[in-house]
C-alpha cells in the first residue's frame, strides 16, 4: 500500500466485523437448541451490523468508481494531447 487510505481501512474493518458477526451468530444458532428467542436476537444482531456494512461498502465502491472514471477521462485527454 503506497499510502494510507482511510476508506480502504474502514471498508476492510467493517467487512471483517460483518463476517465475524455472521460466524458468531451461526455458531450460537448451531450450538443452541434453536429457540425462537435466540434466533430473533441473532437476526437483530445481523440487522445492526448489516446496515453500516452496506453503507460503507456502497460508499467505497461509489468513491472508487468516481476515481476510476476520473483516471480514464484523464488518460483519454493525455492520448488526445499526444496526437
PDB file of N, CA and C in Angstrom:
ATOM      1  N   UNK A   1       0.847  -1.167   0.000  1.00  0.00           N
ATOM      2  CA  UNK A   1       0.000   0.000   0.000  1.00  0.00           C
ATOM      3  C   UNK A   1       0.891   1.227   0.000  1.00  0.00           C
ATOM      4  N   UNK A   2       0.765   2.050  -1.014  1.00  0.00           N
ATOM      5  CA  UNK A   2       1.614   3.221  -1.143  1.00  0.00           C
ATOM      6  C   UNK A   2       1.308   4.278  -0.094  1.00  0.00           C
ATOM      7  N   UNK A   3       0.030   4.494   0.150  1.00  0.00           N
ATOM      8  CA  UNK A   3      -0.345   5.499   1.130  1.00  0.00           C
ATOM      9  C   UNK A   3      -1.547   5.005   1.918  1.00  0.00           C
ATOM     10  N   UNK A   4      -1.726   5.587   3.067  1.00  0.00           N
ATOM     11  CA  UNK A   4      -2.820   5.212   3.958  1.00  0.00           C
ATOM     12  C   UNK A   4      -4.117   5.791   3.406  1.00  0.00           C
ATOM     13  N   UNK A   5      -5.056   4.940   3.066  1.00  0.00           N
ATOM     14  CA  UNK A   5      -6.364   5.390   2.604  1.00  0.00           C
ATOM     15  C   UNK A   5      -7.404   4.961   3.624  1.00  0.00           C
ATOM     16  N   UNK A   6      -8.015   5.940   4.239  1.00  0.00           N
ATOM     17  CA  UNK A   6      -8.981   5.696   5.296  1.00  0.00           C
ATOM     18  C   UNK A   6     -10.153   4.862   4.797  1.00  0.00           C
ATOM     19  N   UNK A   7     -10.612   5.110   3.571  1.00  0.00           N
ATOM     20  CA  UNK A   7     -11.785   4.385   3.056  1.00  0.00           C
ATOM     21  C   UNK A   7     -11.503   2.895   2.900  1.00  0.00           C
ATOM     22  N   UNK A   8     -10.291   2.537   2.486  1.00  0.00           N
ATOM     23  CA  UNK A   8      -9.942   1.119   2.351  1.00  0.00           C
ATOM     24  C   UNK A   8      -9.883   0.433   3.709  1.00  0.00           C
ATOM     25  N   UNK A   9      -9.270   1.098   4.671  1.00  0.00           N
ATOM     26  CA  UNK A   9      -9.171   0.524   6.009  1.00  0.00           C
ATOM     27  C   UNK A   9     -10.559   0.390   6.630  1.00  0.00           C
ATOM     28  N   UNK A  10     -11.394   1.408   6.467  1.00  0.00           N
ATOM     29  CA  UNK A  10     -12.740   1.368   7.017  1.00  0.00           C
ATOM     30  C   UNK A  10     -13.563   0.247   6.382  1.00  0.00           C
ATOM     31  N   UNK A  11     -13.485   0.110   5.065  1.00  0.00           N
ATOM     32  CA  UNK A  11     -14.214  -0.961   4.383  1.00  0.00           C
ATOM     33  C   UNK A  11     -13.709  -2.334   4.837  1.00  0.00           C
ATOM     34  N   UNK A  12     -12.425  -2.481   5.020  1.00  0.00           N
ATOM     35  CA  UNK A  12     -11.861  -3.750   5.475  1.00  0.00           C
ATOM     36  C   UNK A  12     -12.300  -4.079   6.901  1.00  0.00           C
ATOM     37  N   UNK A  13     -12.248  -3.110   7.794  1.00  0.00           N
ATOM     38  CA  UNK A  13     -12.636  -3.339   9.184  1.00  0.00           C
ATOM     39  C   UNK A  13     -14.122  -3.688   9.283  1.00  0.00           C
ATOM     40  N   UNK A  14     -14.967  -2.963   8.585  1.00  0.00           N
ATOM     41  CA  UNK A  14     -16.402  -3.234   8.618  1.00  0.00           C
ATOM     42  C   UNK A  14     -16.695  -4.601   8.007  1.00  0.00           C
ATOM     43  N   UNK A  15     -16.000  -4.965   6.939  1.00  0.00           N
ATOM     44  CA  UNK A  15     -16.203  -6.282   6.327  1.00  0.00           C
ATOM     45  C   UNK A  15     -15.808  -7.404   7.283  1.00  0.00           C
ATOM     46  N   UNK A  16     -14.673  -7.238   7.969  1.00  0.00           N
ATOM     47  CA  UNK A  16     -14.236  -8.237   8.940  1.00  0.00           C
ATOM     48  C   UNK A  16     -15.244  -8.335  10.083  1.00  0.00           C
ATOM     49  N   UNK A  17     -15.731  -7.192  10.552  1.00  0.00           N
ATOM     50  CA  UNK A  17     -16.735  -7.188  11.616  1.00  0.00           C
ATOM     51  C   UNK A  17     -18.002  -7.921  11.173  1.00  0.00           C
ATOM     52  N   UNK A  18     -18.421  -7.693   9.946  1.00  0.00           N
ATOM     53  CA  UNK A  18     -19.628  -8.338   9.428  1.00  0.00           C
ATOM     54  C   UNK A  18     -19.439  -9.855   9.348  1.00  0.00           C
ATOM     55  N   UNK A  19     -18.311 -10.294   8.819  1.00  0.00           N
ATOM     56  CA  UNK A  19     -18.046 -11.735   8.693  1.00  0.00           C
ATOM     57  C   UNK A  19     -17.946 -12.382  10.072  1.00  0.00           C
ATOM     58  N   UNK A  20     -17.281 -11.732  11.010  1.00  0.00           N
ATOM     59  CA  UNK A  20     -17.185 -12.279  12.369  1.00  0.00           C
ATOM     60  C   UNK A  20     -18.556 -12.362  13.028  1.00  0.00           C
ATOM     61  N   UNK A  21     -19.394 -11.382  12.808  1.00  0.00           N
ATOM     62  CA  UNK A  21     -20.736 -11.396  13.379  1.00  0.00           C
ATOM     63  C   UNK A  21     -21.569 -12.516  12.788  1.00  0.00           C
ATOM     64  N   UNK A  22     -21.489 -12.705  11.491  1.00  0.00           N
ATOM     65  CA  UNK A  22     -22.227 -13.800  10.852  1.00  0.00           C
ATOM     66  C   UNK A  22     -21.747 -15.141  11.397  1.00  0.00           C
ATOM     67  N   UNK A  23     -20.439 -15.301  11.543  1.00  0.00           N
ATOM     68  CA  UNK A  23     -19.904 -16.559  12.090  1.00  0.00           C
ATOM     69  C   UNK A  23     -20.348 -16.764  13.538  1.00  0.00           C
ATOM     70  N   UNK A  24     -20.327 -15.697  14.341  1.00  0.00           N
ATOM     71  CA  UNK A  24     -20.740 -15.794  15.732  1.00  0.00           C
ATOM     72  C   UNK A  24     -22.214 -16.177  15.845  1.00  0.00           C
ATOM     73  N   UNK A  25     -23.059 -15.515  15.078  1.00  0.00           N
ATOM     74  CA  UNK A  25     -24.493 -15.820  15.130  1.00  0.00           C
ATOM     75  C   UNK A  25     -24.747 -17.241  14.635  1.00  0.00           C
ATOM     76  N   UNK A  26     -24.047 -17.652  13.589  1.00  0.00           N
ATOM     77  CA  UNK A  26     -24.202 -19.023  13.085  1.00  0.00           C
ATOM     78  C   UNK A  26     -23.758 -20.055  14.113  1.00  0.00           C
ATOM     79  N   UNK A  27     -22.662 -19.772  14.803  1.00  0.00           N
ATOM     80  CA  UNK A  27     -22.162 -20.678  15.834  1.00  0.00           C
ATOM     81  C   UNK A  27     -23.150 -20.788  16.995  1.00  0.00           C
ATOM     82  N   UNK A  28     -23.658 -19.655  17.449  1.00  0.00           N
ATOM     83  CA  UNK A  28     -24.636 -19.679  18.541  1.00  0.00           C
ATOM     84  C   UNK A  28     -25.891 -20.424  18.098  1.00  0.00           C
ATOM     85  N   UNK A  29     -26.315 -20.202  16.888  1.00  0.00           N
ATOM     86  CA  UNK A  29     -27.509 -20.869  16.366  1.00  0.00           C
ATOM     87  C   UNK A  29     -27.295 -22.381  16.283  1.00  0.00           C
ATOM     88  N   UNK A  30     -26.105 -22.801  15.862  1.00  0.00           N
ATOM     89  CA  UNK A  30     -25.820 -24.232  15.723  1.00  0.00           C
ATOM     90  C   UNK A  30     -25.685 -24.914  17.084  1.00  0.00           C
ATOM     91  N   UNK A  31     -25.098 -24.236  18.059  1.00  0.00           N
ATOM     92  CA  UNK A  31     -24.864 -24.830  19.367  1.00  0.00           C
ATOM     93  C   UNK A  31     -26.145 -24.853  20.210  1.00  0.00           C
ATOM     94  N   UNK A  32     -26.954 -23.830  20.068  1.00  0.00           N
ATOM     95  CA  UNK A  32     -28.165 -23.749  20.886  1.00  0.00           C
ATOM     96  C   UNK A  32     -29.231 -24.708  20.358  1.00  0.00           C
ATOM     97  N   UNK A  33     -30.325 -24.747  21.065  1.00  0.00           N
ATOM     98  CA  UNK A  33     -31.430 -25.597  20.637  1.00  0.00           C
ATOM     99  C   UNK A  33     -32.324 -24.905  19.622  1.00  0.00           C
ATOM    100  N   UNK A  34     -31.840 -23.831  19.056  1.00  0.00           N
ATOM    101  CA  UNK A  34     -32.552 -23.075  18.021  1.00  0.00           C
ATOM    102  C   UNK A  34     -33.914 -22.583  18.519  1.00  0.00           C
ATOM    103  N   UNK A  35     -33.882 -21.988  19.689  1.00  0.00           N
ATOM    104  CA  UNK A  35     -35.097 -21.426  20.259  1.00  0.00           C
ATOM    105  C   UNK A  35     -35.452 -20.151  19.514  1.00  0.00           C
ATOM    106  N   UNK A  36     -36.713 -19.837  19.354  1.00  0.00           N
ATOM    107  CA  UNK A  36     -37.120 -18.627  18.620  1.00  0.00           C
ATOM    108  C   UNK A  36     -36.536 -17.334  19.175  1.00  0.00           C
ATOM    109  N   UNK A  37     -36.372 -17.249  20.507  1.00  0.00           N
ATOM    110  CA  UNK A  37     -35.805 -16.030  21.088  1.00  0.00           C
ATOM    111  C   UNK A  37     -34.356 -15.837  20.649  1.00  0.00           C
ATOM    112  N   UNK A  38     -33.607 -16.927  20.609  1.00  0.00           N
ATOM    113  CA  UNK A  38     -32.205 -16.830  20.210  1.00  0.00           C
ATOM    114  C   UNK A  38     -32.081 -16.490  18.725  1.00  0.00           C
ATOM    115  N   UNK A  39     -32.977 -17.014  17.925  1.00  0.00           N
ATOM    116  CA  UNK A  39     -32.951 -16.671  16.504  1.00  0.00           C
ATOM    117  C   UNK A  39     -33.268 -15.193  16.309  1.00  0.00           C
ATOM    118  N   UNK A  40     -34.223 -14.686  17.063  1.00  0.00           N
ATOM    119  CA  UNK A  40     -34.587 -13.278  16.934  1.00  0.00           C
ATOM    120  C   UNK A  40     -33.419 -12.382  17.329  1.00  0.00           C
ATOM    121  N   UNK A  41     -32.723 -12.746  18.401  1.00  0.00           N
ATOM    122  CA  UNK A  41     -31.575 -11.953  18.842  1.00  0.00           C
ATOM    123  C   UNK A  41     -30.476 -11.984  17.775  1.00  0.00           C
ATOM    124  N   UNK A  42     -30.225 -13.159  17.187  1.00  0.00           N
ATOM    125  CA  UNK A  42     -29.221 -13.259  16.125  1.00  0.00           C
ATOM    126  C   UNK A  42     -29.588 -12.425  14.912  1.00  0.00           C
ATOM    127  N   UNK A  43     -30.857 -12.435  14.549  1.00  0.00           N
ATOM    128  CA  UNK A  43     -31.302 -11.631  13.412  1.00  0.00           C
ATOM    129  C   UNK A  43     -31.178 -10.146  13.726  1.00  0.00           C
ATOM    130  N   UNK A  44     -31.470  -9.768  14.970  1.00  0.00           N
ATOM    131  CA  UNK A  44     -31.301  -8.367  15.378  1.00  0.00           C
ATOM    132  C   UNK A  44     -29.838  -7.947  15.302  1.00  0.00           C
ATOM    133  N   UNK A  45     -28.935  -8.823  15.734  1.00  0.00           N
ATOM    134  CA  UNK A  45     -27.501  -8.511  15.671  1.00  0.00           C
ATOM    135  C   UNK A  45     -27.072  -8.344  14.211  1.00  0.00           C
ATOM    136  N   UNK A  46     -27.509  -9.239  13.351  1.00  0.00           N
ATOM    137  CA  UNK A  46     -27.150  -9.118  11.932  1.00  0.00           C
ATOM    138  C   UNK A  46     -27.726  -7.843  11.326  1.00  0.00           C
ATOM    139  N   UNK A  47     -28.920  -7.467  11.731  1.00  0.00           N
ATOM    140  CA  UNK A  47     -29.520  -6.239  11.231  1.00  0.00           C
ATOM    141  C   UNK A  47     -28.740  -5.005  11.632  1.00  0.00           C
ATOM    142  N   UNK A  48     -28.225  -5.015  12.856  1.00  0.00           N
ATOM    143  CA  UNK A  48     -27.440  -3.878  13.340  1.00  0.00           C
ATOM    144  C   UNK A  48     -26.117  -3.776  12.578  1.00  0.00           C
ATOM    145  N   UNK A  49     -25.501  -4.889  12.283  1.00  0.00           N
ATOM    146  CA  UNK A  49     -24.190  -4.870  11.629  1.00  0.00           C
ATOM    147  C   UNK A  49     -24.323  -4.698  10.111  1.00  0.00           C
ATOM    148  N   UNK A  50     -25.398  -5.209   9.522  1.00  0.00           N
ATOM    149  CA  UNK A  50     -25.514  -5.156   8.061  1.00  0.00           C
ATOM    150  C   UNK A  50     -25.738  -3.745   7.525  1.00  0.00           C
ATOM    151  N   UNK A  51     -26.366  -2.884   8.304  1.00  0.00           N
ATOM    152  CA  UNK A  51     -26.605  -1.513   7.836  1.00  0.00           C
ATOM    153  C   UNK A  51     -25.304  -0.750   7.634  1.00  0.00           C
ATOM    154  N   UNK A  52     -24.411  -0.672   8.642  1.00  0.00           N
ATOM    155  CA  UNK A  52     -23.147   0.021   8.382  1.00  0.00           C
ATOM    156  C   UNK A  52     -22.313  -0.672   7.309  1.00  0.00           C
ATOM    157  N   UNK A  53     -22.367  -2.004   7.267  1.00  0.00           N
ATOM    158  CA  UNK A  53     -21.630  -2.731   6.235  1.00  0.00           C
ATOM    159  C   UNK A  53     -22.085  -2.293   4.848  1.00  0.00           C
ATOM    160  N   UNK A  54     -23.384  -2.275   4.636  1.00  0.00           N
ATOM    161  CA  UNK A  54     -23.915  -1.879   3.329  1.00  0.00           C
ATOM    162  C   UNK A  54     -23.572  -0.446   2.974  1.00  0.00           C
ATOM    163  N   UNK A  55     -23.674   0.452   3.941  1.00  0.00           N
ATOM    164  CA  UNK A  55     -23.391   1.862   3.671  1.00  0.00           C
ATOM    165  C   UNK A  55     -21.917   2.074   3.362  1.00  0.00           C
ATOM    166  N   UNK A  56     -21.042   1.491   4.168  1.00  0.00           N
ATOM    167  CA  UNK A  56     -19.595   1.679   3.976  1.00  0.00           C
ATOM    168  C   UNK A  56     -19.138   1.064   2.663  1.00  0.00           C
ATOM    169  N   UNK A  57     -19.569  -0.150   2.378  1.00  0.00           N
ATOM    170  CA  UNK A  57     -19.126  -0.820   1.151  1.00  0.00           C
ATOM    171  C   UNK A  57     -19.687  -0.105  -0.080  1.00  0.00           C
ATOM    172  N   UNK A  58     -20.952   0.308  -0.031  1.00  0.00           N
ATOM    173  CA  UNK A  58     -21.532   1.045  -1.159  1.00  0.00           C
ATOM    174  C   UNK A  58     -20.802   2.368  -1.372  1.00  0.00           C
ATOM    175  N   UNK A  59     -20.509   3.068  -0.289  1.00  0.00           N
ATOM    176  CA  UNK A  59     -19.768   4.328  -0.401  1.00  0.00           C
ATOM    177  C   UNK A  59     -18.373   4.118  -0.957  1.00  0.00           C
ATOM    178  N   UNK A  60     -17.727   3.048  -0.529  1.00  0.00           N
ATOM    179  CA  UNK A  60     -16.374   2.768  -1.033  1.00  0.00           C
ATOM    180  C   UNK A  60     -16.407   2.468  -2.529  1.00  0.00           C
ATOM    181  N   UNK A  61     -17.376   1.648  -2.973  1.00  0.00           N
ATOM    182  CA  UNK A  61     -17.470   1.347  -4.399  1.00  0.00           C
ATOM    183  C   UNK A  61     -17.821   2.586  -5.212  1.00  0.00           C
ATOM    184  N   UNK A  62     -18.669   3.449  -4.675  1.00  0.00           N
ATOM    185  CA  UNK A  62     -19.002   4.693  -5.380  1.00  0.00           C
ATOM    186  C   UNK A  62     -17.767   5.579  -5.508  1.00  0.00           C
ATOM    187  N   UNK A  63     -16.998   5.700  -4.419  1.00  0.00           N
ATOM    188  CA  UNK A  63     -15.780   6.514  -4.438  1.00  0.00           C
ATOM    189  C   UNK A  63     -14.765   5.960  -5.435  1.00  0.00           C
ATOM    190  N   UNK A  64     -14.566   4.654  -5.414  1.00  0.00           N
ATOM    191  CA  UNK A  64     -13.592   4.070  -6.341  1.00  0.00           C
ATOM    192  C   UNK A  64     -14.079   4.166  -7.781  1.00  0.00           C
ATOM    193  N   UNK A  65     -15.389   4.093  -7.997  1.00  0.00           N
ATOM    194  CA  UNK A  65     -15.926   4.258  -9.349  1.00  0.00           C
ATOM    195  C   UNK A  65     -15.675   5.658  -9.889  1.00  0.00           C
ATOM    196  N   UNK A  66     -15.882   6.661  -9.041  1.00  0.00           N
ATOM    197  CA  UNK A  66     -15.618   8.042  -9.459  1.00  0.00           C
ATOM    198  C   UNK A  66     -14.135   8.235  -9.725  1.00  0.00           C
ATOM    199  N   UNK A  67     -13.289   7.684  -8.874  1.00  0.00           N
ATOM    200  CA  UNK A  67     -11.840   7.805  -9.096  1.00  0.00           C
ATOM    201  C   UNK A  67     -11.418   7.128 -10.396  1.00  0.00           C
ATOM    202  N   UNK A  68     -11.945   5.958 -10.675  1.00  0.00           N
ATOM    203  CA  UNK A  68     -11.594   5.260 -11.916  1.00  0.00           C
ATOM    204  C   UNK A  68     -12.091   6.027 -13.139  1.00  0.00           C
ATOM    205  N   UNK A  69     -13.296   6.593 -13.048  1.00  0.00           N
ATOM    206  CA  UNK A  69     -13.819   7.389 -14.155  1.00  0.00           C
ATOM    207  C   UNK A  69     -12.928   8.594 -14.414  1.00  0.00           C
ATOM    208  N   UNK A  70     -12.482   9.236 -13.337  1.00  0.00           N
ATOM    209  CA  UNK A  70     -11.598  10.391 -13.478  1.00  0.00           C
ATOM    210  C   UNK A  70     -10.261   9.988 -14.099  1.00  0.00           C
ATOM    211  N   UNK A  71      -9.721   8.843 -13.688  1.00  0.00           N
ATOM    212  CA  UNK A  71      -8.455   8.357 -14.259  1.00  0.00           C
ATOM    213  C   UNK A  71      -8.608   8.051 -15.745  1.00  0.00           C
ATOM    214  N   UNK A  72      -9.705   7.397 -16.114  1.00  0.00           N
ATOM    215  CA  UNK A  72      -9.930   7.047 -17.524  1.00  0.00           C
ATOM    216  C   UNK A  72     -10.113   8.312 -18.350  1.00  0.00           C
ATOM    217  N   UNK A  73     -10.881   9.240 -17.827  1.00  0.00           N
ATOM    218  CA  UNK A  73     -11.109  10.503 -18.536  1.00  0.00           C
ATOM    219  C   UNK A  73      -9.795  11.262 -18.701  1.00  0.00           C
ATOM    220  N   UNK A  74      -8.957  11.247 -17.665  1.00  0.00           N
ATOM    221  CA  UNK A  74      -7.659  11.913 -17.733  1.00  0.00           C
ATOM    222  C   UNK A  74      -6.720  11.246 -18.724  1.00  0.00           C
ATOM    223  N   UNK A  75      -6.763   9.916 -18.811  1.00  0.00           N
ATOM    224  CA  UNK A  75      -5.885   9.226 -19.750  1.00  0.00           C
ATOM    225  C   UNK A  75      -6.321   9.471 -21.188  1.00  0.00           C
ATOM    226  N   UNK A  76      -7.615   9.625 -21.431  1.00  0.00           N
ATOM    227  CA  UNK A  76      -8.079   9.940 -22.783  1.00  0.00           C
ATOM    228  C   UNK A  76      -7.645  11.337 -23.193  1.00  0.00           C
ATOM    229  N   UNK A  77      -7.638  12.293 -22.253  1.00  0.00           N
ATOM    230  CA  UNK A  77      -7.159  13.635 -22.565  1.00  0.00           C
ATOM    231  C   UNK A  77      -5.678  13.609 -22.909  1.00  0.00           C
ATOM    232  N   UNK A  78      -4.904  12.799 -22.164  1.00  0.00           N
ATOM    233  CA  UNK A  78      -3.473  12.677 -22.438  1.00  0.00           C
ATOM    234  C   UNK A  78      -3.240  12.072 -23.821  1.00  0.00           C
ATOM    235  N   UNK A  79      -4.022  11.084 -24.227  1.00  0.00           N
ATOM    236  CA  UNK A  79      -3.888  10.469 -25.540  1.00  0.00           C
ATOM    237  C   UNK A  79      -4.209  11.477 -26.640  1.00  0.00           C
ATOM    238  N   UNK A  80      -5.213  12.304 -26.438  1.00  0.00           N
ATOM    239  CA  UNK A  80      -5.587  13.307 -27.432  1.00  0.00           C
ATOM    240  C   UNK A  80      -4.531  14.390 -27.547  1.00  0.00           C
ATOM    241  N   UNK A  81      -3.866  14.726 -26.453  1.00  0.00           N
ATOM    242  CA  UNK A  81      -2.829  15.759 -26.476  1.00  0.00           C
ATOM    243  C   UNK A  81      -1.572  15.253 -27.173  1.00  0.00           C
ATOM    244  N   UNK A  82      -1.328  13.936 -27.148  1.00  0.00           N
ATOM    245  CA  UNK A  82      -0.151  13.363 -27.786  1.00  0.00           C
ATOM    246  C   UNK A  82      -0.293  13.328 -29.300  1.00  0.00           C
ATOM    247  N   UNK A  83      -1.508  13.303 -29.791  1.00  0.00           N
ATOM    248  CA  UNK A  83      -1.726  13.186 -31.246  1.00  0.00           C
ATOM    249  C   UNK A  83      -1.510  14.476 -31.955  1.00  0.00           C
TER     250      UNK A  83
END
